[in-house]
Amino acid sequence: MTKTKTTAAPSDALAAPPQESPKSYELAVQELDALVQRMESSQLPLDQLLVAYQRGAYLLGFCRDKLQSIEDQIKVLDEGQLKPWQGAL
């Protein structure tokens, strides 16, 4: 007879795998904030702390990419002057 290893269900803040993209920037920021709070609380076991860190790093990159994309759409640097982006017109 073999024993089966059971694992606890992941917590809400750790439910999404590191590679799963959030639906919006705002949801990513909310999830990242929740992860930081849980990590700072010292309540996570080491293995969950690593998963939270990986997810947080992914969310941070996601947010940076979204912000850069929006910034690129809003303004264009032209001879030192910021001008509105004309591509949307």
C-alpha atoms as a PDB file:
ATOM      1  CA  MET A   1       0.000   0.000   0.000  1.00  0.00           C
ATOM      2  CA  THR A   2       1.370   3.439  -0.927  1.00  0.00           C
ATOM      3  CA  LYS A   3       0.774   6.614   0.944  1.00  0.00           C
ATOM      4  CA  THR A   4      -0.542   9.607  -0.930  1.00  0.00           C
ATOM      5  CA  LYS A   5       0.765  12.999  -0.026  1.00  0.00           C
ATOM      6  CA  THR A   6      -1.903  15.594   0.601  1.00  0.00           C
ATOM      7  CA  THR A   7      -1.253  19.282   0.257  1.00  0.00           C
ATOM      8  CA  ALA A   8      -3.120  22.156   1.748  1.00  0.00           C
ATOM      9  CA  ALA A   9      -5.167  24.345  -0.552  1.00  0.00           C
ATOM     10  CA  PRO A  10      -3.344  27.524  -1.493  1.00  0.00           C
ATOM     11  CA  SER A  11      -4.421  30.738   0.154  1.00  0.00           C
ATOM     12  CA  ASP A  12      -6.360  33.364  -1.808  1.00  0.00           C
ATOM     13  CA  ALA A  13      -3.293  35.536  -2.343  1.00  0.00           C
ATOM     14  CA  LEU A  14      -1.294  32.584  -3.648  1.00  0.00           C
ATOM     15  CA  ALA A  15      -3.996  30.946  -5.737  1.00  0.00           C
ATOM     16  CA  ALA A  16      -2.787  32.157  -9.135  1.00  0.00           C
ATOM     17  CA  PRO A  17       0.354  30.541 -10.529  1.00  0.00           C
ATOM     18  CA  PRO A  18       3.281  32.879 -11.271  1.00  0.00           C
ATOM     19  CA  GLN A  19       2.704  32.835 -15.036  1.00  0.00           C
ATOM     20  CA  GLU A  20      -1.049  33.597 -14.978  1.00  0.00           C
ATOM     21  CA  SER A  21      -1.703  37.198 -16.028  1.00  0.00           C
ATOM     22  CA  PRO A  22      -4.173  39.316 -14.083  1.00  0.00           C
ATOM     23  CA  LYS A  23      -7.162  40.708 -15.972  1.00  0.00           C
ATOM     24  CA  SER A  24      -6.152  44.328 -15.362  1.00  0.00           C
ATOM     25  CA  TYR A  25      -3.454  46.577 -13.958  1.00  0.00           C
ATOM     26  CA  GLU A  26      -5.675  47.441 -10.987  1.00  0.00           C
ATOM     27  CA  LEU A  27      -6.215  43.779 -10.089  1.00  0.00           C
ATOM     28  CA  ALA A  28      -2.481  43.151 -10.375  1.00  0.00           C
ATOM     29  CA  VAL A  29      -1.735  45.994  -7.958  1.00  0.00           C
ATOM     30  CA  GLN A  30      -4.350  44.701  -5.493  1.00  0.00           C
ATOM     31  CA  GLU A  31      -2.926  41.180  -5.635  1.00  0.00           C
ATOM     32  CA  LEU A  32       0.630  42.482  -5.287  1.00  0.00           C
ATOM     33  CA  ASP A  33      -0.361  44.553  -2.248  1.00  0.00           C
ATOM     34  CA  ALA A  34      -2.000  41.520  -0.632  1.00  0.00           C
ATOM     35  CA  LEU A  35       1.099  39.415  -1.299  1.00  0.00           C
ATOM     36  CA  VAL A  36       3.404  42.019   0.231  1.00  0.00           C
ATOM     37  CA  GLN A  37       1.230  42.254   3.339  1.00  0.00           C
ATOM     38  CA  ARG A  38       1.232  38.475   3.771  1.00  0.00           C
ATOM     39  CA  MET A  39       4.979  38.242   3.213  1.00  0.00           C
ATOM     40  CA  GLU A  40       5.677  41.049   5.686  1.00  0.00           C
ATOM     41  CA  SER A  41       3.452  39.440   8.317  1.00  0.00           C
ATOM     42  CA  SER A  42       5.892  36.525   8.696  1.00  0.00           C
ATOM     43  CA  GLN A  43       2.923  34.156   8.647  1.00  0.00           C
ATOM     44  CA  LEU A  44       3.944  32.185   5.536  1.00  0.00           C
ATOM     45  CA  PRO A  45       5.931  28.953   5.624  1.00  0.00           C
ATOM     46  CA  LEU A  46       9.147  29.055   3.598  1.00  0.00           C
ATOM     47  CA  ASP A  47       7.749  27.184   0.577  1.00  0.00           C
ATOM     48  CA  GLN A  48       4.732  29.511   0.338  1.00  0.00           C
ATOM     49  CA  LEU A  49       7.017  32.502   0.816  1.00  0.00           C
ATOM     50  CA  LEU A  50       8.989  31.441  -2.256  1.00  0.00           C
ATOM     51  CA  VAL A  51       5.787  31.036  -4.297  1.00  0.00           C
ATOM     52  CA  ALA A  52       4.586  34.446  -3.112  1.00  0.00           C
ATOM     53  CA  TYR A  53       7.918  36.022  -4.060  1.00  0.00           C
ATOM     54  CA  GLN A  54       7.797  34.482  -7.550  1.00  0.00           C
ATOM     55  CA  ARG A  55       4.218  35.637  -8.063  1.00  0.00           C
ATOM     56  CA  GLY A  56       5.080  39.101  -6.786  1.00  0.00           C
ATOM     57  CA  ALA A  57       8.020  39.387  -9.176  1.00  0.00           C
ATOM     58  CA  TYR A  58       5.746  38.367 -12.053  1.00  0.00           C
ATOM     59  CA  LEU A  59       3.061  40.883 -11.023  1.00  0.00           C
ATOM     60  CA  LEU A  60       5.641  43.646 -10.706  1.00  0.00           C
ATOM     61  CA  GLY A  61       6.858  42.968 -14.242  1.00  0.00           C
ATOM     62  CA  PHE A  62       3.262  42.871 -15.496  1.00  0.00           C
ATOM     63  CA  CYS A  63       2.543  46.268 -13.907  1.00  0.00           C
ATOM     64  CA  ARG A  64       5.750  47.802 -15.267  1.00  0.00           C
ATOM     65  CA  ASP A  65       4.922  46.576 -18.777  1.00  0.00           C
ATOM     66  CA  LYS A  66       1.393  47.984 -18.580  1.00  0.00           C
ATOM     67  CA  LEU A  67       2.617  51.357 -17.315  1.00  0.00           C
ATOM     68  CA  GLN A  68       5.290  51.549 -20.012  1.00  0.00           C
ATOM     69  CA  SER A  69       2.734  50.701 -22.687  1.00  0.00           C
ATOM     70  CA  ILE A  70       0.383  53.422 -21.485  1.00  0.00           C
ATOM     71  CA  GLU A  71       3.213  55.926 -21.186  1.00  0.00           C
ATOM     72  CA  ASP A  72       4.283  55.164 -24.752  1.00  0.00           C
ATOM     73  CA  GLN A  73       0.733  55.804 -25.938  1.00  0.00           C
ATOM     74  CA  ILE A  74       0.311  59.093 -24.062  1.00  0.00           C
ATOM     75  CA  LYS A  75       3.475  60.986 -24.912  1.00  0.00           C
ATOM     76  CA  VAL A  76       6.309  61.171 -27.360  1.00  0.00           C
ATOM     77  CA  LEU A  77       9.624  62.805 -26.580  1.00  0.00           C
ATOM     78  CA  ASP A  78      10.461  65.279 -29.344  1.00  0.00           C
ATOM     79  CA  GLU A  79      13.517  67.530 -28.952  1.00  0.00           C
ATOM     80  CA  GLY A  80      13.204  67.583 -25.174  1.00  0.00           C
ATOM     81  CA  GLN A  81       9.503  68.512 -25.179  1.00  0.00           C
ATOM     82  CA  LEU A  82       6.750  66.126 -24.182  1.00  0.00           C
ATOM     83  CA  LYS A  83       3.995  66.157 -26.735  1.00  0.00           C
ATOM     84  CA  PRO A  84       0.720  64.212 -26.844  1.00  0.00           C
ATOM     85  CA  TRP A  85       0.914  60.942 -28.702  1.00  0.00           C
ATOM     86  CA  GLN A  86      -0.722  61.325 -32.133  1.00  0.00           C
ATOM     87  CA  GLY A  87      -1.103  57.615 -32.901  1.00  0.00           C
ATOM     88  CA  ALA A  88      -4.581  57.331 -31.371  1.00  0.00           C
ATOM     89  CA  LEU A  89      -6.113  59.918 -33.703  1.00  0.00           C
END
